[in-house]
Amino acid sequence: MQERTFIQRKVFGLSVTTSNADEVDPEKAKIPQLWQSFLQSRPSTDSGDALFFGIYTNYESDYLGAFDVFVGSQTSSSPTLSEMTIPSGQYLVFSAQGEMPQAVIDLWGIIWRFFDDTNCPYVRKYTTDFECYLSENEVDIYIAV
């Protein structure tokens, strides 16, 4: 984990509102379908080295409440996709490698435990957090602090 300053980026994609309680129930989970819809709708002109983002924002409260998820990439501008700007700011960056989606699910568990620790020196803002997929098996998760 390391602290980084992030400079804003525009991302093009799709969004839903969900909660972690819904995401653990396969009947209610929306994020897998959101990713599938985005990957099917993105332009064929996307380069193979495009970064993909899973953005979490508009938190109702903390990780137990509802929030919006926006999935997309910087190069997927299309009339069927929405635009979102990931804001500049200070982030703690957690990294993982492994088979997706399990590696990212496990990393979120590490992040929740990190911030739940009474000795944690950081305060999570619950403004905008995001996953940046560097490859098929490598992800960085940026948490606003």
C-alpha atoms as a PDB file:
ATOM      1  CA  MET A   1       0.000   0.000   0.000  1.00  0.00           C
ATOM      2  CA  GLN A   2       1.221   3.492  -0.814  1.00  0.00           C
ATOM      3  CA  GLU A   3      -0.134   7.032  -0.805  1.00  0.00           C
ATOM      4  CA  ARG A   4      -0.410   8.718  -4.211  1.00  0.00           C
ATOM      5  CA  THR A   5      -1.669  11.956  -5.693  1.00  0.00           C
ATOM      6  CA  PHE A   6      -3.990  11.216  -8.606  1.00  0.00           C
ATOM      7  CA  ILE A   7      -4.685  13.677 -11.443  1.00  0.00           C
ATOM      8  CA  GLN A   8      -8.274  13.604 -12.743  1.00  0.00           C
ATOM      9  CA  ARG A   9      -9.190  11.458 -15.766  1.00  0.00           C
ATOM     10  CA  LYS A  10     -12.252  11.178 -17.952  1.00  0.00           C
ATOM     11  CA  VAL A  11     -13.702   7.696 -18.299  1.00  0.00           C
ATOM     12  CA  PHE A  12     -16.495   6.471 -20.585  1.00  0.00           C
ATOM     13  CA  GLY A  13     -18.776   3.634 -19.529  1.00  0.00           C
ATOM     14  CA  LEU A  14     -21.943   2.452 -17.775  1.00  0.00           C
ATOM     15  CA  SER A  15     -23.244   2.688 -14.204  1.00  0.00           C
ATOM     16  CA  VAL A  16     -25.590   1.126 -11.633  1.00  0.00           C
ATOM     17  CA  THR A  17     -26.515   1.678  -7.989  1.00  0.00           C
ATOM     18  CA  THR A  18     -25.912  -1.274  -5.666  1.00  0.00           C
ATOM     19  CA  SER A  19     -24.667  -2.279  -2.200  1.00  0.00           C
ATOM     20  CA  ASN A  20     -22.204  -4.816  -0.857  1.00  0.00           C
ATOM     21  CA  ALA A  21     -25.123  -6.709   0.712  1.00  0.00           C
ATOM     22  CA  ASP A  22     -26.627  -7.149  -2.773  1.00  0.00           C
ATOM     23  CA  GLU A  23     -23.289  -8.017  -4.377  1.00  0.00           C
ATOM     24  CA  VAL A  24     -22.741 -11.060  -2.134  1.00  0.00           C
ATOM     25  CA  ASP A  25     -26.094 -12.478  -3.322  1.00  0.00           C
ATOM     26  CA  PRO A  26     -25.758 -13.891  -6.873  1.00  0.00           C
ATOM     27  CA  GLU A  27     -29.474 -13.217  -7.469  1.00  0.00           C
ATOM     28  CA  LYS A  28     -29.097  -9.492  -6.664  1.00  0.00           C
ATOM     29  CA  ALA A  29     -25.518  -8.786  -7.794  1.00  0.00           C
ATOM     30  CA  LYS A  30     -25.351  -6.071 -10.468  1.00  0.00           C
ATOM     31  CA  ILE A  31     -21.616  -5.509 -10.944  1.00  0.00           C
ATOM     32  CA  PRO A  32     -20.847  -8.665 -12.996  1.00  0.00           C
ATOM     33  CA  GLN A  33     -23.649  -7.830 -15.458  1.00  0.00           C
ATOM     34  CA  LEU A  34     -22.482  -4.201 -15.599  1.00  0.00           C
ATOM     35  CA  TRP A  35     -18.987  -5.291 -16.633  1.00  0.00           C
ATOM     36  CA  GLN A  36     -20.409  -7.683 -19.214  1.00  0.00           C
ATOM     37  CA  SER A  37     -22.641  -4.955 -20.692  1.00  0.00           C
ATOM     38  CA  PHE A  38     -19.751  -2.489 -20.847  1.00  0.00           C
ATOM     39  CA  LEU A  39     -17.364  -4.929 -22.503  1.00  0.00           C
ATOM     40  CA  GLN A  40     -20.005  -5.765 -25.124  1.00  0.00           C
ATOM     41  CA  SER A  41     -20.863  -2.108 -25.821  1.00  0.00           C
ATOM     42  CA  ARG A  42     -17.411  -0.557 -26.050  1.00  0.00           C
ATOM     43  CA  PRO A  43     -16.170   0.452 -29.492  1.00  0.00           C
ATOM     44  CA  SER A  44     -14.079  -2.024 -31.456  1.00  0.00           C
ATOM     45  CA  THR A  45     -11.519   0.776 -31.877  1.00  0.00           C
ATOM     46  CA  ASP A  46     -10.387   0.351 -28.250  1.00  0.00           C
ATOM     47  CA  SER A  47      -6.730  -0.592 -28.123  1.00  0.00           C
ATOM     48  CA  GLY A  48      -5.740  -3.817 -26.418  1.00  0.00           C
ATOM     49  CA  ASP A  49      -3.713  -1.894 -23.845  1.00  0.00           C
ATOM     50  CA  ALA A  50      -6.603   0.302 -22.629  1.00  0.00           C
ATOM     51  CA  LEU A  51      -6.926   0.620 -18.857  1.00  0.00           C
ATOM     52  CA  PHE A  52     -10.271  -0.375 -17.387  1.00  0.00           C
ATOM     53  CA  PHE A  53     -11.764   1.275 -14.315  1.00  0.00           C
ATOM     54  CA  GLY A  54     -14.383   0.286 -11.745  1.00  0.00           C
ATOM     55  CA  ILE A  55     -15.378   3.517  -9.977  1.00  0.00           C
ATOM     56  CA  TYR A  56     -17.308   3.666  -6.684  1.00  0.00           C
ATOM     57  CA  THR A  57     -18.984   6.958  -5.773  1.00  0.00           C
ATOM     58  CA  ASN A  58     -22.078   8.609  -4.285  1.00  0.00           C
ATOM     59  CA  TYR A  59     -21.765   6.552  -1.104  1.00  0.00           C
ATOM     60  CA  GLU A  60     -24.921   6.570   1.002  1.00  0.00           C
ATOM     61  CA  SER A  61     -22.810   6.175   4.152  1.00  0.00           C
ATOM     62  CA  ASP A  62     -19.856   3.793   4.261  1.00  0.00           C
ATOM     63  CA  TYR A  63     -19.133   0.412   2.680  1.00  0.00           C
ATOM     64  CA  LEU A  64     -22.344  -0.973   4.215  1.00  0.00           C
ATOM     65  CA  GLY A  65     -24.670   1.476   2.417  1.00  0.00           C
ATOM     66  CA  ALA A  66     -25.680   1.910  -1.221  1.00  0.00           C
ATOM     67  CA  PHE A  67     -23.290   3.407  -3.770  1.00  0.00           C
ATOM     68  CA  ASP A  68     -22.943   3.957  -7.512  1.00  0.00           C
ATOM     69  CA  VAL A  69     -20.586   1.844  -9.602  1.00  0.00           C
ATOM     70  CA  PHE A  70     -19.315   3.124 -12.949  1.00  0.00           C
ATOM     71  CA  VAL A  71     -17.256   0.815 -15.176  1.00  0.00           C
ATOM     72  CA  GLY A  72     -15.392   2.075 -18.199  1.00  0.00           C
ATOM     73  CA  SER A  73     -12.163   3.060 -19.903  1.00  0.00           C
ATOM     74  CA  GLN A  74     -10.517   6.242 -21.127  1.00  0.00           C
ATOM     75  CA  THR A  75     -10.665   5.258 -24.787  1.00  0.00           C
ATOM     76  CA  SER A  76     -14.254   4.047 -25.076  1.00  0.00           C
ATOM     77  CA  SER A  77     -16.013   7.294 -26.052  1.00  0.00           C
ATOM     78  CA  SER A  78     -19.285   6.330 -27.716  1.00  0.00           C
ATOM     79  CA  PRO A  79     -22.834   7.723 -27.972  1.00  0.00           C
ATOM     80  CA  THR A  80     -24.100   4.739 -25.936  1.00  0.00           C
ATOM     81  CA  LEU A  81     -21.692   5.360 -23.040  1.00  0.00           C
ATOM     82  CA  SER A  82     -21.803   7.951 -20.262  1.00  0.00           C
ATOM     83  CA  GLU A  83     -18.863  10.118 -19.241  1.00  0.00           C
ATOM     84  CA  MET A  84     -17.449  10.406 -15.725  1.00  0.00           C
ATOM     85  CA  THR A  85     -14.418  12.208 -14.334  1.00  0.00           C
ATOM     86  CA  ILE A  86     -12.366  10.515 -11.638  1.00  0.00           C
ATOM     87  CA  PRO A  87     -11.428  13.457  -9.392  1.00  0.00           C
ATOM     88  CA  SER A  88      -7.911  14.519  -8.516  1.00  0.00           C
ATOM     89  CA  GLY A  89      -6.917  13.845  -4.930  1.00  0.00           C
ATOM     90  CA  GLN A  90      -4.922  11.896  -2.381  1.00  0.00           C
ATOM     91  CA  TYR A  91      -5.450   8.150  -2.491  1.00  0.00           C
ATOM     92  CA  LEU A  92      -4.094   5.084  -0.751  1.00  0.00           C
ATOM     93  CA  VAL A  93      -3.319   2.511  -3.423  1.00  0.00           C
ATOM     94  CA  PHE A  94      -3.626  -1.212  -2.700  1.00  0.00           C
ATOM     95  CA  SER A  95      -2.409  -3.724  -5.305  1.00  0.00           C
ATOM     96  CA  ALA A  96      -3.146  -7.350  -6.124  1.00  0.00           C
ATOM     97  CA  GLN A  97      -2.325  -9.924  -8.747  1.00  0.00           C
ATOM     98  CA  GLY A  98      -4.190 -13.109  -9.467  1.00  0.00           C
ATOM     99  CA  GLU A  99      -7.267 -14.516 -11.108  1.00  0.00           C
ATOM    100  CA  MET A 100     -10.075 -12.002 -11.447  1.00  0.00           C
ATOM    101  CA  PRO A 101     -12.559 -11.375  -9.988  1.00  0.00           C
ATOM    102  CA  GLN A 102     -11.371 -13.266  -6.887  1.00  0.00           C
ATOM    103  CA  ALA A 103      -8.161 -11.222  -6.546  1.00  0.00           C
ATOM    104  CA  VAL A 104     -10.098  -7.942  -6.477  1.00  0.00           C
ATOM    105  CA  ILE A 105     -12.727  -9.349  -4.082  1.00  0.00           C
ATOM    106  CA  ASP A 106      -9.974 -10.472  -1.699  1.00  0.00           C
ATOM    107  CA  LEU A 107      -8.253  -7.079  -1.974  1.00  0.00           C
ATOM    108  CA  TRP A 108     -11.469  -5.252  -1.005  1.00  0.00           C
ATOM    109  CA  GLY A 109     -11.601  -7.451   2.121  1.00  0.00           C
ATOM    110  CA  ILE A 110      -8.054  -6.388   3.002  1.00  0.00           C
ATOM    111  CA  ILE A 111      -9.004  -2.729   2.481  1.00  0.00           C
ATOM    112  CA  TRP A 112     -12.101  -2.963   4.716  1.00  0.00           C
ATOM    113  CA  ARG A 113     -10.076  -4.610   7.491  1.00  0.00           C
ATOM    114  CA  PHE A 114      -7.313  -1.988   7.128  1.00  0.00           C
ATOM    115  CA  PHE A 115      -9.729   0.918   7.630  1.00  0.00           C
ATOM    116  CA  ASP A 116     -11.688  -0.901  10.379  1.00  0.00           C
ATOM    117  CA  ASP A 117      -8.511  -1.258  12.454  1.00  0.00           C
ATOM    118  CA  THR A 118      -8.639   1.168  15.407  1.00  0.00           C
ATOM    119  CA  ASN A 119      -4.926   1.902  14.858  1.00  0.00           C
ATOM    120  CA  CYS A 120      -5.397   2.892  11.204  1.00  0.00           C
ATOM    121  CA  PRO A 121      -3.647   6.253  10.657  1.00  0.00           C
ATOM    122  CA  TYR A 122      -5.930   7.168   7.732  1.00  0.00           C
ATOM    123  CA  VAL A 123      -9.580   8.215   7.466  1.00  0.00           C
ATOM    124  CA  ARG A 124     -11.450   6.986   4.432  1.00  0.00           C
ATOM    125  CA  LYS A 125     -13.429   9.809   2.766  1.00  0.00           C
ATOM    126  CA  TYR A 126     -16.107   7.736   0.974  1.00  0.00           C
ATOM    127  CA  THR A 127     -16.126  10.193  -1.933  1.00  0.00           C
ATOM    128  CA  THR A 128     -14.717   8.375  -4.961  1.00  0.00           C
ATOM    129  CA  ASP A 129     -12.699   5.144  -4.898  1.00  0.00           C
ATOM    130  CA  PHE A 130     -11.709   3.138  -7.935  1.00  0.00           C
ATOM    131  CA  GLU A 131     -10.195  -0.022  -9.306  1.00  0.00           C
ATOM    132  CA  CYS A 132      -7.660   0.381 -12.114  1.00  0.00           C
ATOM    133  CA  TYR A 133      -7.125  -2.849 -14.045  1.00  0.00           C
ATOM    134  CA  LEU A 134      -3.535  -2.847 -15.306  1.00  0.00           C
ATOM    135  CA  SER A 135      -3.840  -6.229 -17.020  1.00  0.00           C
ATOM    136  CA  GLU A 136      -6.091  -9.293 -16.985  1.00  0.00           C
ATOM    137  CA  ASN A 137      -4.598 -10.366 -13.653  1.00  0.00           C
ATOM    138  CA  GLU A 138      -3.368  -7.140 -12.018  1.00  0.00           C
ATOM    139  CA  VAL A 139      -5.385  -4.428 -10.242  1.00  0.00           C
ATOM    140  CA  ASP A 140      -4.731  -1.319  -8.176  1.00  0.00           C
ATOM    141  CA  ILE A 141      -7.503  -0.029  -5.903  1.00  0.00           C
ATOM    142  CA  TYR A 142      -7.383   3.690  -5.089  1.00  0.00           C
ATOM    143  CA  ILE A 143      -9.108   4.745  -1.850  1.00  0.00           C
ATOM    144  CA  ALA A 144      -9.715   8.471  -1.234  1.00  0.00           C
ATOM    145  CA  VAL A 145      -8.130   9.705   2.006  1.00  0.00           C
END
